[in-house]
Amino acid sequence: MATRKATGKESGSAKKTSSGRRSTSSSRKSASKKSSSGRKYSPSAGKNVEQEMHEFKRGTLKPGRSGKKVTSRKQAIAIGLSEARRAGKKVPAPKRKAA
């Protein structure tokens, strides 16, 4: 039984490696053609998000009018990006909800 496991592992890993290489190289080529040059987010926008995350971790981050504490990490990031957009920094437009 020990020999079956050893041969099964070797042949299985060889198949994964060869097929994995083919799929990653083709996906890299297609991804590089589609992507535009440059950054999506400006470094200063990242600093906005960093500040908001710091407040979130300390428990002092409060959104909008409600005055409640932010409890979601995603919400803290969204607040940072929103403030960066308002300040005119380079940040992609927010995703729209599907109707």
C-alpha atoms as a PDB file:
ATOM      1  CA  MET A   1       0.000   0.000   0.000  1.00  0.00           C
ATOM      2  CA  ALA A   2       2.886   2.365   0.674  1.00  0.00           C
ATOM      3  CA  THR A   3       4.078   2.129  -2.932  1.00  0.00           C
ATOM      4  CA  ARG A   4       0.630   2.952  -4.294  1.00  0.00           C
ATOM      5  CA  LYS A   5       0.457   6.159  -2.285  1.00  0.00           C
ATOM      6  CA  ALA A   6       3.921   7.246  -3.358  1.00  0.00           C
ATOM      7  CA  THR A   7       3.290   6.645  -7.077  1.00  0.00           C
ATOM      8  CA  GLY A   8      -0.153   8.218  -6.878  1.00  0.00           C
ATOM      9  CA  LYS A   9       1.232  11.374  -5.337  1.00  0.00           C
ATOM     10  CA  GLU A  10       4.049  11.670  -7.861  1.00  0.00           C
ATOM     11  CA  SER A  11       1.853  11.269 -10.921  1.00  0.00           C
ATOM     12  CA  GLY A  12      -0.808  13.595  -9.497  1.00  0.00           C
ATOM     13  CA  SER A  13       1.649  16.371  -8.726  1.00  0.00           C
ATOM     14  CA  ALA A  14       3.267  16.106 -12.160  1.00  0.00           C
ATOM     15  CA  LYS A  15      -0.091  16.579 -13.858  1.00  0.00           C
ATOM     16  CA  LYS A  16      -0.930  19.579 -11.708  1.00  0.00           C
ATOM     17  CA  THR A  17       2.414  21.223 -12.393  1.00  0.00           C
ATOM     18  CA  SER A  18       2.303  20.850 -16.158  1.00  0.00           C
ATOM     19  CA  SER A  19      -1.316  21.936 -16.496  1.00  0.00           C
ATOM     20  CA  GLY A  20      -0.794  24.704 -13.944  1.00  0.00           C
ATOM     21  CA  ARG A  21       2.047  26.165 -15.944  1.00  0.00           C
ATOM     22  CA  ARG A  22       0.054  26.251 -19.129  1.00  0.00           C
ATOM     23  CA  SER A  23      -2.949  27.930 -17.573  1.00  0.00           C
ATOM     24  CA  THR A  24      -0.951  30.560 -15.690  1.00  0.00           C
ATOM     25  CA  SER A  25       1.203  31.559 -18.646  1.00  0.00           C
ATOM     26  CA  SER A  26      -1.792  32.025 -20.935  1.00  0.00           C
ATOM     27  CA  SER A  27      -3.703  33.936 -18.265  1.00  0.00           C
ATOM     28  CA  ARG A  28      -0.732  36.210 -17.658  1.00  0.00           C
ATOM     29  CA  LYS A  29      -0.491  37.091 -21.321  1.00  0.00           C
ATOM     30  CA  SER A  30      -4.181  37.901 -21.628  1.00  0.00           C
ATOM     31  CA  ALA A  31      -4.159  39.877 -18.389  1.00  0.00           C
ATOM     32  CA  SER A  32      -1.181  41.985 -19.469  1.00  0.00           C
ATOM     33  CA  LYS A  33      -2.888  42.934 -22.732  1.00  0.00           C
ATOM     34  CA  LYS A  34      -6.080  44.047 -20.993  1.00  0.00           C
ATOM     35  CA  SER A  35      -4.528  45.998 -18.114  1.00  0.00           C
ATOM     36  CA  SER A  36      -3.744  49.664 -18.526  1.00  0.00           C
ATOM     37  CA  SER A  37      -0.459  51.148 -17.457  1.00  0.00           C
ATOM     38  CA  GLY A  38      -0.181  53.007 -14.197  1.00  0.00           C
ATOM     39  CA  ARG A  39      -1.823  52.806 -10.817  1.00  0.00           C
ATOM     40  CA  LYS A  40      -5.497  52.369 -10.094  1.00  0.00           C
ATOM     41  CA  TYR A  41      -5.235  54.147  -6.741  1.00  0.00           C
ATOM     42  CA  SER A  42      -2.967  57.083  -5.935  1.00  0.00           C
ATOM     43  CA  PRO A  43      -0.575  56.703  -2.983  1.00  0.00           C
ATOM     44  CA  SER A  44      -2.381  59.532  -1.179  1.00  0.00           C
ATOM     45  CA  ALA A  45      -5.669  57.615  -1.490  1.00  0.00           C
ATOM     46  CA  GLY A  46      -3.961  54.717   0.259  1.00  0.00           C
ATOM     47  CA  LYS A  47      -3.030  57.067   3.091  1.00  0.00           C
ATOM     48  CA  ASN A  48      -6.703  58.039   3.456  1.00  0.00           C
ATOM     49  CA  VAL A  49      -7.660  54.375   3.785  1.00  0.00           C
ATOM     50  CA  GLU A  50      -4.784  53.840   6.228  1.00  0.00           C
ATOM     51  CA  GLN A  51      -6.051  56.674   8.457  1.00  0.00           C
ATOM     52  CA  GLU A  52      -9.591  55.310   8.449  1.00  0.00           C
ATOM     53  CA  MET A  53      -8.370  51.796   9.286  1.00  0.00           C
ATOM     54  CA  HIS A  54      -6.371  53.220  12.181  1.00  0.00           C
ATOM     55  CA  GLU A  55      -9.490  54.930  13.567  1.00  0.00           C
ATOM     56  CA  PHE A  56     -11.499  51.752  12.994  1.00  0.00           C
ATOM     57  CA  LYS A  57      -9.005  49.658  14.954  1.00  0.00           C
ATOM     58  CA  ARG A  58      -9.041  52.149  17.834  1.00  0.00           C
ATOM     59  CA  GLY A  59     -12.846  52.102  17.784  1.00  0.00           C
ATOM     60  CA  THR A  60     -13.302  55.805  17.055  1.00  0.00           C
ATOM     61  CA  LEU A  61     -14.493  55.617  13.437  1.00  0.00           C
ATOM     62  CA  LYS A  62     -18.081  56.825  13.001  1.00  0.00           C
ATOM     63  CA  PRO A  63     -19.771  57.200   9.601  1.00  0.00           C
ATOM     64  CA  GLY A  64     -22.228  59.861   8.492  1.00  0.00           C
ATOM     65  CA  ARG A  65     -25.013  61.183  10.699  1.00  0.00           C
ATOM     66  CA  SER A  66     -25.857  58.138  12.799  1.00  0.00           C
ATOM     67  CA  GLY A  67     -22.874  58.391  15.130  1.00  0.00           C
ATOM     68  CA  LYS A  68     -22.627  54.608  15.524  1.00  0.00           C
ATOM     69  CA  LYS A  69     -19.229  52.937  15.539  1.00  0.00           C
ATOM     70  CA  VAL A  70     -18.100  51.153  12.392  1.00  0.00           C
ATOM     71  CA  THR A  71     -17.865  47.410  13.021  1.00  0.00           C
ATOM     72  CA  SER A  72     -16.942  46.197   9.532  1.00  0.00           C
ATOM     73  CA  ARG A  73     -13.461  46.290   8.049  1.00  0.00           C
ATOM     74  CA  LYS A  74     -14.937  46.618   4.543  1.00  0.00           C
ATOM     75  CA  GLN A  75     -17.005  49.598   5.620  1.00  0.00           C
ATOM     76  CA  ALA A  76     -13.911  51.312   7.030  1.00  0.00           C
ATOM     77  CA  ILE A  77     -12.103  50.859   3.702  1.00  0.00           C
ATOM     78  CA  ALA A  78     -15.152  52.166   1.812  1.00  0.00           C
ATOM     79  CA  ILE A  79     -15.211  55.287   3.981  1.00  0.00           C
ATOM     80  CA  GLY A  80     -11.519  55.921   3.278  1.00  0.00           C
ATOM     81  CA  LEU A  81     -12.004  55.544  -0.476  1.00  0.00           C
ATOM     82  CA  SER A  82     -15.077  57.754  -0.387  1.00  0.00           C
ATOM     83  CA  GLU A  83     -13.158  60.535   1.343  1.00  0.00           C
ATOM     84  CA  ALA A  84     -10.335  60.175  -1.178  1.00  0.00           C
ATOM     85  CA  ARG A  85     -12.849  60.574  -4.024  1.00  0.00           C
ATOM     86  CA  ARG A  86     -14.300  63.705  -2.420  1.00  0.00           C
ATOM     87  CA  ALA A  87     -10.783  65.139  -2.123  1.00  0.00           C
ATOM     88  CA  GLY A  88     -10.268  64.549  -5.866  1.00  0.00           C
ATOM     89  CA  LYS A  89      -7.623  61.855  -5.553  1.00  0.00           C
ATOM     90  CA  LYS A  90      -7.164  59.122  -8.135  1.00  0.00           C
ATOM     91  CA  VAL A  91      -9.599  56.366  -7.152  1.00  0.00           C
ATOM     92  CA  PRO A  92     -11.801  54.246  -9.467  1.00  0.00           C
ATOM     93  CA  ALA A  93     -15.529  54.941  -9.405  1.00  0.00           C
ATOM     94  CA  PRO A  94     -17.512  52.899  -6.883  1.00  0.00           C
ATOM     95  CA  LYS A  95     -19.180  49.714  -8.110  1.00  0.00           C
ATOM     96  CA  ARG A  96     -22.825  50.169  -9.028  1.00  0.00           C
ATOM     97  CA  LYS A  97     -25.508  47.852  -7.730  1.00  0.00           C
ATOM     98  CA  ALA A  98     -27.082  45.508 -10.292  1.00  0.00           C
ATOM     99  CA  ALA A  99     -30.726  46.318 -10.922  1.00  0.00           C
END
